[in-house]
N, C-alpha and C. Protein backbone atom coordinates (compact mmCIF):
# COMPACT_ATOMS: atom_id res chain seq x y z
N MET A 1 1.01 -0.70 0.42
CA MET A 1 -0.05 -0.24 -0.01
C MET A 1 1.07 0.84 0.18
N HIS A 2 1.84 1.23 0.68
CA HIS A 2 2.85 2.43 0.25
C HIS A 2 3.60 2.67 -0.78
N ASP A 3 3.78 1.47 -1.55
CA ASP A 3 3.71 1.88 -2.84
C ASP A 3 3.08 2.88 -3.63
N PHE A 4 1.55 2.30 -3.18
CA PHE A 4 0.49 3.24 -4.02
C PHE A 4 0.42 5.00 -4.01
N PHE A 5 0.69 5.15 -2.22
CA PHE A 5 0.69 6.38 -2.05
C PHE A 5 1.97 7.45 -2.09
N ASP A 6 3.31 6.28 -2.40
CA ASP A 6 4.52 6.97 -3.23
C ASP A 6 4.40 7.30 -4.62
N HIS A 7 2.93 6.62 -5.70
CA HIS A 7 3.59 7.01 -7.11
C HIS A 7 2.12 8.27 -7.04
N LEU A 8 1.87 8.62 -6.03
CA LEU A 8 0.89 9.72 -5.75
C LEU A 8 1.40 10.85 -5.57
N ASN A 9 3.02 10.99 -6.30
CA ASN A 9 3.74 12.20 -6.04
C ASN A 9 3.51 13.20 -7.17
N PHE A 10 3.09 14.48 -6.36
CA PHE A 10 2.24 15.37 -7.21
C PHE A 10 3.53 16.18 -7.86
N GLU A 11 4.58 15.92 -7.58
CA GLU A 11 5.61 16.60 -8.10
C GLU A 11 6.08 16.11 -9.44
N GLY A 12 6.41 14.32 -9.53
CA GLY A 12 6.12 13.86 -10.25
C GLY A 12 5.59 12.60 -10.84
N TYR A 13 4.18 12.81 -10.77
CA TYR A 13 3.21 11.82 -11.11
C TYR A 13 3.28 11.04 -12.37
N ASP A 14 3.30 9.98 -12.52
CA ASP A 14 3.58 9.36 -13.50
C ASP A 14 2.58 7.89 -13.92
N ARG A 15 1.36 8.04 -14.82
CA ARG A 15 0.17 6.94 -14.79
C ARG A 15 1.19 5.90 -15.25
N LYS A 16 2.30 5.72 -16.10
CA LYS A 16 2.86 4.31 -16.64
C LYS A 16 3.43 3.98 -15.52
N ALA A 17 4.13 4.54 -14.74
CA ALA A 17 4.75 3.82 -13.25
C ALA A 17 3.65 3.23 -12.56
N PHE A 18 2.54 4.20 -12.34
CA PHE A 18 1.15 3.97 -11.08
C PHE A 18 0.95 2.30 -11.69
N LYS A 19 0.66 2.00 -13.19
CA LYS A 19 0.03 0.74 -13.65
C LYS A 19 0.51 0.00 -13.15
N THR A 20 1.47 -0.19 -12.77
CA THR A 20 2.59 -1.35 -12.65
C THR A 20 2.18 -1.81 -10.98
N ILE A 21 0.81 -0.92 -10.28
CA ILE A 21 0.49 -1.47 -9.03
C ILE A 21 -0.50 -1.85 -8.76
N VAL A 22 -1.61 -1.34 -10.14
CA VAL A 22 -2.79 -1.64 -9.83
C VAL A 22 -3.60 -2.11 -11.40
N THR A 23 -4.50 -3.13 -11.24
CA THR A 23 -4.90 -3.64 -11.63
C THR A 23 -5.44 -2.94 -13.28
N ASP A 24 -5.88 -3.36 -14.41
CA ASP A 24 -6.07 -2.99 -15.54
C ASP A 24 -7.41 -2.20 -15.45
N ASP A 25 -8.23 -3.10 -14.89
CA ASP A 25 -10.02 -2.83 -14.27
C ASP A 25 -9.77 -2.26 -12.70
N PHE A 26 -8.76 -1.70 -12.36
CA PHE A 26 -8.70 -1.15 -11.07
C PHE A 26 -10.03 0.08 -10.49
N HIS A 27 -10.53 0.30 -9.68
CA HIS A 27 -11.36 1.77 -9.58
C HIS A 27 -11.36 1.54 -7.89
N ILE A 28 -11.61 2.92 -7.61
CA ILE A 28 -11.50 3.23 -6.20
C ILE A 28 -12.84 4.14 -5.79
N PHE A 29 -13.14 4.26 -5.01
CA PHE A 29 -14.39 5.00 -4.04
C PHE A 29 -14.04 6.07 -3.38
N GLU A 30 -13.75 7.22 -3.86
CA GLU A 30 -13.23 8.26 -2.98
C GLU A 30 -14.19 9.33 -3.20
N LYS A 31 -14.15 9.91 -2.02
CA LYS A 31 -14.86 11.10 -2.07
C LYS A 31 -16.39 11.07 -2.36
N GLY A 32 -17.27 10.20 -2.37
CA GLY A 32 -18.21 9.72 -2.60
C GLY A 32 -18.19 8.80 -4.18
N ILE A 33 -17.88 9.36 -4.76
CA ILE A 33 -17.20 8.79 -6.41
C ILE A 33 -16.70 7.39 -6.35
N ASN A 34 -17.65 6.28 -7.35
CA ASN A 34 -16.95 5.87 -7.64
C ASN A 34 -16.05 5.65 -8.60
N MET A 35 -14.37 5.80 -9.08
CA MET A 35 -13.59 6.10 -10.14
C MET A 35 -13.19 5.21 -10.48
N SER A 36 -13.36 5.00 -11.95
CA SER A 36 -12.25 3.75 -13.00
C SER A 36 -10.67 4.22 -12.84
N ARG A 37 -9.88 3.42 -13.29
CA ARG A 37 -8.37 3.79 -13.37
C ARG A 37 -8.28 4.99 -13.75
N LYS A 38 -8.49 5.27 -15.10
CA LYS A 38 -8.52 6.09 -16.08
C LYS A 38 -9.43 7.94 -15.12
N ASP A 39 -10.38 7.67 -14.54
CA ASP A 39 -10.85 8.53 -13.96
C ASP A 39 -10.36 9.42 -12.53
N PHE A 40 -9.61 8.03 -12.07
CA PHE A 40 -9.04 8.25 -10.83
C PHE A 40 -7.62 9.13 -11.09
N PHE A 41 -6.65 8.48 -12.15
CA PHE A 41 -5.70 9.38 -13.04
C PHE A 41 -6.11 10.96 -13.24
N ASP A 42 -7.22 11.28 -14.13
CA ASP A 42 -7.70 12.34 -14.53
C ASP A 42 -7.62 13.26 -12.91
N PHE A 43 -8.53 12.53 -11.66
CA PHE A 43 -8.66 13.30 -10.62
C PHE A 43 -7.77 14.13 -9.62
N VAL A 44 -6.35 12.79 -10.21
CA VAL A 44 -5.25 13.09 -9.29
C VAL A 44 -4.72 14.89 -10.24
N ASP A 45 -4.61 14.40 -11.29
CA ASP A 45 -4.61 15.23 -12.40
C ASP A 45 -4.31 16.75 -12.09
N SER A 46 -5.81 16.86 -11.57
CA SER A 46 -6.38 18.02 -11.69
C SER A 46 -6.69 18.54 -10.14
N ASN A 47 -5.93 17.55 -9.04
CA ASN A 47 -5.86 18.07 -7.90
C ASN A 47 -4.47 18.77 -7.73
N HIS A 48 -3.47 18.50 -8.65
CA HIS A 48 -2.12 18.92 -8.67
C HIS A 48 -2.29 20.59 -8.40
N SER A 49 -1.09 20.92 -7.51
CA SER A 49 -1.35 22.36 -8.03
C SER A 49 0.06 23.16 -7.99
N GLU A 50 0.57 24.19 -8.46
CA GLU A 50 1.94 24.79 -7.91
C GLU A 50 2.27 25.15 -6.65
N SER A 51 0.72 25.59 -6.20
CA SER A 51 1.54 26.55 -4.83
C SER A 51 1.41 24.93 -3.70
N ALA A 52 1.72 23.65 -4.10
CA ALA A 52 1.97 22.79 -3.00
C ALA A 52 2.98 22.39 -2.60
N ILE A 53 3.61 22.30 -1.18
CA ILE A 53 4.94 22.91 -0.97
C ILE A 53 5.17 21.24 -0.50
N SER A 54 4.02 20.16 0.16
CA SER A 54 4.91 18.80 0.73
C SER A 54 3.25 18.28 1.03
N LYS A 55 3.36 16.64 0.83
CA LYS A 55 2.29 16.04 1.00
C LYS A 55 3.00 14.70 1.53
N ASP A 56 2.46 14.34 2.69
CA ASP A 56 2.78 12.79 3.71
C ASP A 56 1.33 12.29 3.89
N TRP A 57 1.89 11.46 4.14
CA TRP A 57 1.19 10.31 4.04
C TRP A 57 0.96 9.19 5.27
N ILE A 58 0.94 8.95 6.22
CA ILE A 58 0.71 7.56 7.36
C ILE A 58 -0.09 6.60 7.54
N LEU A 59 0.33 5.43 7.38
CA LEU A 59 -0.60 4.37 7.37
C LEU A 59 -0.28 3.84 8.36
N SER A 60 -1.59 3.35 8.93
CA SER A 60 -1.25 2.64 10.05
C SER A 60 -2.33 1.10 10.80
N ASP A 61 -2.22 0.84 11.50
CA ASP A 61 -3.59 -0.22 12.23
C ASP A 61 -3.77 -1.57 11.15
N PHE A 62 -2.73 -1.75 10.00
CA PHE A 62 -3.28 -2.42 9.24
C PHE A 62 -3.71 -3.97 9.30
N ARG A 63 -5.00 -4.44 9.04
CA ARG A 63 -5.24 -5.92 9.08
C ARG A 63 -5.34 -6.55 7.74
N ILE A 64 -4.62 -7.58 7.84
CA ILE A 64 -4.60 -8.20 6.30
C ILE A 64 -5.55 -9.53 6.71
N SER A 65 -5.83 -9.73 5.32
CA SER A 65 -6.66 -11.24 4.96
C SER A 65 -5.56 -11.56 3.63
N ALA A 66 -5.57 -13.03 3.75
CA ALA A 66 -4.43 -13.01 2.44
C ALA A 66 -4.55 -14.57 2.31
N HIS A 67 -4.71 -14.59 0.75
CA HIS A 67 -5.14 -15.98 0.41
C HIS A 67 -4.11 -16.11 -0.68
N ALA A 68 -4.35 -17.42 -1.58
CA ALA A 68 -3.32 -18.12 -2.80
C ALA A 68 -2.98 -16.71 -3.70
N GLU A 69 -4.76 -16.57 -3.92
CA GLU A 69 -4.41 -15.36 -5.15
C GLU A 69 -5.04 -13.68 -5.32
N SER A 70 -5.27 -13.63 -3.46
CA SER A 70 -5.87 -12.10 -3.43
C SER A 70 -5.59 -11.96 -1.74
N ALA A 71 -5.73 -10.66 -1.81
CA ALA A 71 -5.81 -10.48 0.02
C ALA A 71 -6.40 -9.17 -0.07
N HIS A 72 -6.83 -8.96 1.24
CA HIS A 72 -7.70 -8.10 1.89
C HIS A 72 -7.21 -7.01 2.73
N ILE A 73 -6.80 -5.48 3.22
CA ILE A 73 -6.16 -4.61 4.02
C ILE A 73 -6.94 -3.98 4.13
N SER A 74 -7.13 -3.44 5.49
CA SER A 74 -7.50 -2.47 5.75
C SER A 74 -6.21 -1.92 6.80
N TYR A 75 -7.08 -0.44 6.32
CA TYR A 75 -5.58 0.69 7.40
C TYR A 75 -6.42 1.81 8.01
N GLU A 76 -5.75 2.43 8.46
CA GLU A 76 -6.18 3.87 8.95
C GLU A 76 -4.94 4.62 8.04
N ASN A 77 -5.51 5.78 7.82
CA ASN A 77 -4.37 6.85 6.93
C ASN A 77 -4.52 8.73 6.98
N VAL A 78 -3.27 9.00 7.76
CA VAL A 78 -3.44 10.29 7.66
C VAL A 78 -2.77 10.83 7.17
N GLY A 79 -3.33 12.01 5.98
CA GLY A 79 -2.74 12.73 4.88
C GLY A 79 -2.47 14.07 5.48
N THR A 80 -1.05 14.48 5.01
CA THR A 80 -0.66 15.91 6.04
C THR A 80 -0.29 16.70 4.21
N PHE A 81 -0.96 17.88 4.17
CA PHE A 81 -0.78 18.61 2.90
C PHE A 81 -0.48 19.95 3.19
N VAL A 82 0.78 20.26 2.56
CA VAL A 82 0.43 21.70 2.77
C VAL A 82 0.96 22.41 1.46
N SER A 83 0.56 23.75 1.74
CA SER A 83 0.49 24.52 0.23
C SER A 83 0.23 25.65 0.40
N PHE A 84 0.44 26.45 0.10
CA PHE A 84 -0.13 28.17 -0.24
C PHE A 84 -1.52 28.66 -0.61
N ASN A 85 -2.38 29.01 0.26
CA ASN A 85 -3.69 29.63 -0.21
C ASN A 85 -3.72 30.63 -1.17
N THR A 86 -4.96 31.02 -2.03
CA THR A 86 -5.07 32.48 -2.72
C THR A 86 -4.57 33.67 -1.89
N ASP A 87 -4.59 33.60 -0.68
CA ASP A 87 -4.22 34.55 -0.26
C ASP A 87 -2.64 34.60 0.21
N GLY A 88 -2.09 33.87 -0.03
CA GLY A 88 -0.40 33.52 0.10
C GLY A 88 0.00 33.36 1.42
N HIS A 89 -0.71 32.76 2.11
CA HIS A 89 -0.75 31.79 3.69
C HIS A 89 -0.54 30.75 3.83
N LYS A 90 0.07 29.85 4.25
CA LYS A 90 0.86 28.94 4.23
C LYS A 90 -0.24 28.05 4.84
N GLU A 91 -0.77 26.74 4.29
CA GLU A 91 -2.07 25.91 4.67
C GLU A 91 -1.63 24.94 4.57
N THR A 92 -2.38 24.11 5.89
CA THR A 92 -1.86 22.84 6.44
C THR A 92 -3.09 22.25 6.37
N VAL A 93 -3.12 20.97 5.43
CA VAL A 93 -5.01 20.15 5.57
C VAL A 93 -4.28 18.78 5.57
N LYS A 94 -5.04 18.22 7.07
CA LYS A 94 -4.96 17.31 7.77
C LYS A 94 -5.81 16.14 7.77
N LEU A 95 -5.99 15.38 7.00
CA LEU A 95 -7.00 14.19 6.69
C LEU A 95 -6.95 12.85 7.39
N TYR A 96 -7.88 12.36 7.70
CA TYR A 96 -8.17 11.08 8.47
C TYR A 96 -8.93 10.32 7.68
N TRP A 97 -8.42 9.03 7.14
CA TRP A 97 -9.23 7.92 6.26
C TRP A 97 -9.49 6.93 6.97
N LEU A 98 -10.28 5.81 7.00
CA LEU A 98 -10.28 4.29 6.97
C LEU A 98 -10.41 4.39 5.42
N GLU A 99 -9.27 3.17 5.02
CA GLU A 99 -9.23 2.90 3.89
C GLU A 99 -9.33 1.05 3.88
N ASN A 100 -9.73 0.59 2.78
CA ASN A 100 -9.78 -0.54 2.82
C ASN A 100 -9.12 -0.79 1.50
N ALA A 101 -8.83 -2.13 0.88
CA ALA A 101 -8.10 -2.23 -0.58
C ALA A 101 -8.09 -3.89 -0.75
N TYR A 102 -8.23 -4.38 -1.64
CA TYR A 102 -8.67 -5.70 -2.53
C TYR A 102 -7.72 -5.88 -3.58
N LEU A 103 -6.81 -6.89 -3.36
CA LEU A 103 -5.92 -6.77 -4.04
C LEU A 103 -5.59 -8.61 -4.64
N VAL A 104 -5.28 -8.60 -6.30
CA VAL A 104 -5.39 -9.86 -6.66
C VAL A 104 -3.70 -10.02 -7.59
N LYS A 105 -3.66 -10.90 -7.30
CA LYS A 105 -2.18 -11.59 -8.11
C LYS A 105 -2.36 -11.83 -9.35
N GLU A 106 -1.71 -11.04 -10.20
CA GLU A 106 -1.51 -11.07 -11.51
C GLU A 106 0.08 -11.09 -11.95
N LYS A 107 0.65 -12.38 -12.65
CA LYS A 107 1.40 -12.48 -13.03
C LYS A 107 2.62 -12.37 -11.83
N GLY A 108 1.80 -13.02 -10.96
CA GLY A 108 3.06 -13.20 -9.56
C GLY A 108 3.41 -12.16 -8.93
N LEU A 109 2.36 -11.33 -9.05
CA LEU A 109 2.86 -10.20 -8.04
C LEU A 109 1.28 -9.56 -7.68
N LEU A 110 1.11 -8.72 -6.73
CA LEU A 110 0.05 -8.36 -6.45
C LEU A 110 -0.30 -6.98 -6.65
N LYS A 111 -1.85 -6.94 -7.53
CA LYS A 111 -1.96 -5.59 -7.82
C LYS A 111 -3.33 -5.29 -7.73
N ILE A 112 -3.63 -3.96 -6.76
CA ILE A 112 -5.06 -3.04 -6.09
C ILE A 112 -5.59 -3.35 -7.39
N LYS A 113 -7.02 -3.86 -7.39
CA LYS A 113 -8.13 -4.20 -7.39
C LYS A 113 -9.28 -3.09 -7.50
N PHE A 114 -9.31 -2.89 -6.12
CA PHE A 114 -10.60 -1.82 -5.65
C PHE A 114 -9.98 -1.49 -4.10
N LEU A 115 -10.15 -0.04 -4.29
CA LEU A 115 -9.73 0.90 -3.10
C LEU A 115 -10.67 1.50 -2.52
N HIS A 116 -11.28 1.50 -1.10
CA HIS A 116 -12.25 2.34 -0.86
C HIS A 116 -11.85 3.07 0.45
N SER A 117 -11.65 4.48 0.25
CA SER A 117 -11.10 5.80 1.20
C SER A 117 -12.54 6.24 2.22
N GLU A 118 -12.83 6.05 2.79
CA GLU A 118 -13.92 7.43 3.59
C GLU A 118 -13.26 8.06 4.86
N GLU A 119 -13.18 9.54 4.57
CA GLU A 119 -12.62 10.22 4.90
C GLU A 119 -13.68 9.97 6.27
N ILE A 120 -12.77 10.34 7.83
CA ILE A 120 -13.10 10.83 8.98
C ILE A 120 -13.18 11.64 9.30
N LYS A 121 -12.37 12.78 9.46
CA LYS A 121 -11.75 13.61 10.17
C LYS A 121 -10.97 14.79 8.78
N LYS A 122 -10.81 16.01 9.11
CA LYS A 122 -10.52 16.72 8.74
C LYS A 122 -9.89 18.17 9.34
N GLU A 123 -8.94 18.58 9.10
CA GLU A 123 -8.23 19.67 10.47
C GLU A 123 -7.80 20.29 9.27
N VAL A 124 -7.87 22.08 9.49
CA VAL A 124 -7.01 23.05 8.38
C VAL A 124 -6.66 24.16 9.56
N SER A 125 -5.60 24.37 9.39
CA SER A 125 -4.76 25.31 10.15
C SER A 125 -4.03 26.40 8.69
N VAL A 126 -3.72 27.45 9.30
CA VAL A 126 -3.64 28.54 8.20
C VAL A 126 -2.41 29.11 8.76
N ARG A 127 -1.26 29.50 8.67
CA ARG A 127 -0.46 30.21 9.21
C ARG A 127 -0.35 31.48 8.37
N LYS A 128 -0.62 32.63 8.24
CA LYS A 128 -0.54 33.99 7.72
C LYS A 128 0.78 34.72 7.30
N ASN A 129 0.74 35.12 5.51
CA ASN A 129 2.18 35.47 5.60
C ASN A 129 3.21 34.48 5.24
N GLY A 130 2.88 33.03 5.37
CA GLY A 130 3.39 32.18 4.97
C GLY A 130 4.24 31.51 5.97
N GLY A 131 4.02 32.19 7.13
CA GLY A 131 4.69 31.62 8.50
C GLY A 131 5.90 32.57 8.77
N LYS A 132 6.04 33.79 7.58
CA LYS A 132 7.15 34.45 7.87
C LYS A 132 7.14 35.10 9.52
N THR A 133 8.03 35.95 9.87
CA THR A 133 8.28 36.42 10.88
C THR A 133 8.12 37.58 10.78
N GLY A 134 7.62 38.60 12.29
CA GLY A 134 7.80 39.81 11.91
C GLY A 134 8.74 40.86 11.64
N GLU A 135 10.04 40.33 11.69
CA GLU A 135 11.61 40.80 11.02
C GLU A 135 11.66 40.34 9.43
N LYS A 136 10.79 39.22 9.05
CA LYS A 136 11.08 38.98 7.55
C LYS A 136 9.78 39.48 6.91
N LEU A 137 9.08 39.77 7.47
CA LEU A 137 7.78 41.09 6.88
C LEU A 137 8.52 42.20 6.63
N LYS A 138 8.96 42.78 8.05
CA LYS A 138 9.58 44.29 8.23
C LYS A 138 10.32 44.31 6.73
N ALA A 139 11.12 43.34 6.72
CA ALA A 139 12.35 43.80 5.89
C ALA A 139 11.60 43.79 4.60
N GLU A 140 10.55 42.89 4.26
CA GLU A 140 9.92 43.14 3.24
C GLU A 140 8.56 44.22 2.87
N GLY A 141 8.57 44.88 4.08
CA GLY A 141 7.80 46.23 4.07
C GLY A 141 6.78 45.92 4.29
N LYS A 142 6.31 45.01 4.28
CA LYS A 142 4.78 44.61 4.83
C LYS A 142 4.15 44.91 6.45
């Protein structure tokens, strides 16, 4: 599952590389929408922002059930995203999800066939002036 989130690198998102970890008929239920692989790729592309500074996901509390040709994984995911908002202030959004995935074996490798993501909580904090101190603002004439 860590590979899935590593592939969501907003600075260098690569659809071809992503296809190595999901099935051709992959679909995801995210934000109340059932998306095909193509729809999900388009969703990721549309959420790319030049104002993004960083992103990070922490996955925990894994529960795994595996069989010869498939596996089911449930886990908690906490994502932290930092960017500059339209006012130029540094904004941190922290999202908490409960997620589960169904993986199937293809050519000896487990690939994600389905992912369900349920947002549990969202926290937003803003640091005015991008977190600059009074001295830095004074030097900039603000």
